């Protein structure tokens, strides 16, 4: 990670300054994004982050574990930073161990949401 990006991330509270990543992280991140190329919440493909469900600075043994990773975006699609809101519950100094369940639930809500300009009722509205 370039030093400027690392310092900006640390200033935002994304990770402690002294936290060093494994040399294998770039490859693991690349492979994760190949398998999971969109945000798990909104389906966006811009400004993707590979988020650690349990922070790697607290659980270094899980840093490279695929089961500890989820793709979230910082694209602010529809005004939402999925990485900040769902991965960190609105504060980069926090984390959300239920992020996978939350992402799945909100993804379904987003897919099924009624839109004001839509003249066709949704399945829920028909019932």
Protein backbone atom coordinates (compact mmCIF):
# COMPACT_ATOMS: atom_id res chain seq x y z
CA UNK A 1 0.00 0.00 0.00
CA UNK A 2 1.52 3.37 -0.93
CA UNK A 3 2.52 5.36 2.16
CA UNK A 4 0.16 8.28 1.40
CA UNK A 5 -2.88 5.98 1.10
CA UNK A 6 -1.81 4.19 4.29
CA UNK A 7 -1.50 7.48 6.21
CA UNK A 8 -4.87 8.72 4.94
CA UNK A 9 -6.49 5.42 5.94
CA UNK A 10 -4.88 5.60 9.38
CA UNK A 11 -6.11 9.19 9.82
CA UNK A 12 -9.63 8.01 8.98
CA UNK A 13 -9.31 5.27 11.58
CA UNK A 14 -9.32 2.43 9.02
CA UNK A 15 -6.30 0.78 10.63
CA UNK A 16 -3.67 1.55 13.26
CA UNK A 17 -0.47 3.16 11.95
CA UNK A 18 1.79 0.32 13.09
CA UNK A 19 -0.23 -2.44 11.47
CA UNK A 20 1.72 -4.30 8.79
CA UNK A 21 0.01 -6.47 6.20
CA UNK A 22 1.24 -9.87 5.12
CA UNK A 23 3.29 -9.93 1.94
CA UNK A 24 0.62 -12.28 0.57
CA UNK A 25 -2.19 -9.73 1.00
CA UNK A 26 -2.04 -8.24 -2.54
CA UNK A 27 -2.48 -11.70 -4.09
CA UNK A 28 -5.25 -12.73 -1.69
CA UNK A 29 -7.04 -9.40 -2.33
CA UNK A 30 -6.74 -9.84 -6.11
CA UNK A 31 -8.11 -13.40 -6.00
CA UNK A 32 -10.97 -12.35 -3.73
CA UNK A 33 -11.99 -9.58 -6.14
CA UNK A 34 -11.84 -12.02 -9.07
CA UNK A 35 -14.30 -14.30 -7.24
CA UNK A 36 -16.40 -11.47 -5.72
CA UNK A 37 -16.18 -8.54 -8.19
CA UNK A 38 -19.10 -6.45 -6.86
CA UNK A 39 -20.18 -4.92 -3.58
CA UNK A 40 -22.16 -7.46 -1.55
CA UNK A 41 -24.64 -4.75 -0.50
CA UNK A 42 -25.38 -2.60 -3.55
CA UNK A 43 -23.90 -4.63 -6.40
CA UNK A 44 -21.65 -1.73 -7.43
CA UNK A 45 -18.27 -2.28 -9.02
CA UNK A 46 -16.57 1.07 -8.34
CA UNK A 47 -14.16 1.84 -5.48
CA UNK A 48 -14.20 -1.70 -4.11
CA UNK A 49 -12.63 -2.64 -0.80
CA UNK A 50 -11.89 -6.14 0.41
CA UNK A 51 -13.12 -5.79 3.97
CA UNK A 52 -11.97 -7.96 6.87
CA UNK A 53 -14.99 -9.09 8.89
CA UNK A 54 -12.77 -9.42 11.94
CA UNK A 55 -10.06 -6.73 11.69
CA UNK A 56 -6.66 -8.08 10.77
CA UNK A 57 -4.90 -5.93 13.38
CA UNK A 58 -6.98 -7.69 16.10
CA UNK A 59 -6.98 -11.13 14.44
CA UNK A 60 -3.75 -11.43 12.39
CA UNK A 61 -4.39 -15.16 11.98
CA UNK A 62 -7.50 -14.32 9.89
CA UNK A 63 -5.89 -11.70 7.62
CA UNK A 64 -5.62 -14.05 4.63
CA UNK A 65 -8.63 -16.28 5.37
CA UNK A 66 -11.24 -16.13 2.57
CA UNK A 67 -13.97 -16.71 5.17
CA UNK A 68 -12.98 -13.42 6.84
CA UNK A 69 -13.34 -11.32 3.67
CA UNK A 70 -16.25 -9.53 2.02
CA UNK A 71 -16.34 -7.09 -0.91
CA UNK A 72 -17.81 -3.69 -0.03
CA UNK A 73 -17.63 -0.40 -1.92
CA UNK A 74 -16.83 3.19 -1.05
CA UNK A 75 -18.52 4.56 -4.18
CA UNK A 76 -21.29 6.39 -2.30
CA UNK A 77 -23.81 4.86 -4.70
CA UNK A 78 -27.23 6.33 -3.84
CA UNK A 79 -25.45 8.29 -1.08
CA UNK A 80 -24.20 5.23 0.83
CA UNK A 81 -20.61 4.20 1.56
CA UNK A 82 -21.25 0.47 2.00
CA UNK A 83 -17.78 -0.16 3.47
CA UNK A 84 -18.24 2.48 6.18
CA UNK A 85 -21.92 1.81 6.93
CA UNK A 86 -22.10 -1.99 6.79
CA UNK A 87 -18.49 -2.98 7.45
CA UNK A 88 -17.86 -0.49 10.25
CA UNK A 89 -21.35 0.54 11.41
CA UNK A 90 -20.63 4.15 10.47
CA UNK A 91 -17.30 4.46 12.29
CA UNK A 92 -13.99 3.12 10.96
CA UNK A 93 -12.88 2.47 14.56
CA UNK A 94 -15.66 -0.12 14.86
CA UNK A 95 -16.43 -3.38 13.04
CA UNK A 96 -19.49 -5.48 12.27
CA UNK A 97 -19.17 -9.24 12.74
CA UNK A 98 -22.66 -9.64 11.20
CA UNK A 99 -21.65 -7.87 7.98
CA UNK A 100 -22.36 -10.90 5.76
CA UNK A 101 -25.92 -11.30 7.05
CA UNK A 102 -26.51 -7.53 6.97
CA UNK A 103 -25.17 -7.27 3.41
CA UNK A 104 -27.40 -10.12 2.20
CA UNK A 105 -30.47 -8.66 3.88
CA UNK A 106 -29.92 -5.13 2.56
CA UNK A 107 -29.02 -6.37 -0.91
CA UNK A 108 -32.43 -8.08 -1.09
CA UNK A 109 -34.16 -4.94 0.20
CA UNK A 110 -32.40 -2.82 -2.42
CA UNK A 111 -33.33 -5.23 -5.23
CA UNK A 112 -36.99 -5.29 -4.16
CA UNK A 113 -37.43 -1.63 -3.25
CA UNK A 114 -40.32 0.18 -4.86
CA UNK A 115 -39.40 3.27 -6.84
CA UNK A 116 -41.63 6.35 -6.87
CA UNK A 117 -41.62 6.61 -10.67
CA UNK A 118 -42.61 2.97 -11.09
CA UNK A 119 -46.23 2.48 -12.09
CA UNK A 120 -46.05 -1.31 -11.73
CA UNK A 121 -46.75 -2.65 -8.21
CA UNK A 122 -44.18 -4.99 -6.70
CA UNK A 123 -45.12 -8.53 -5.63
CA UNK A 124 -45.42 -7.32 -2.02
CA UNK A 125 -47.74 -4.48 -3.04
CA UNK A 126 -49.98 -6.93 -4.95
CA UNK A 127 -50.44 -9.14 -1.88
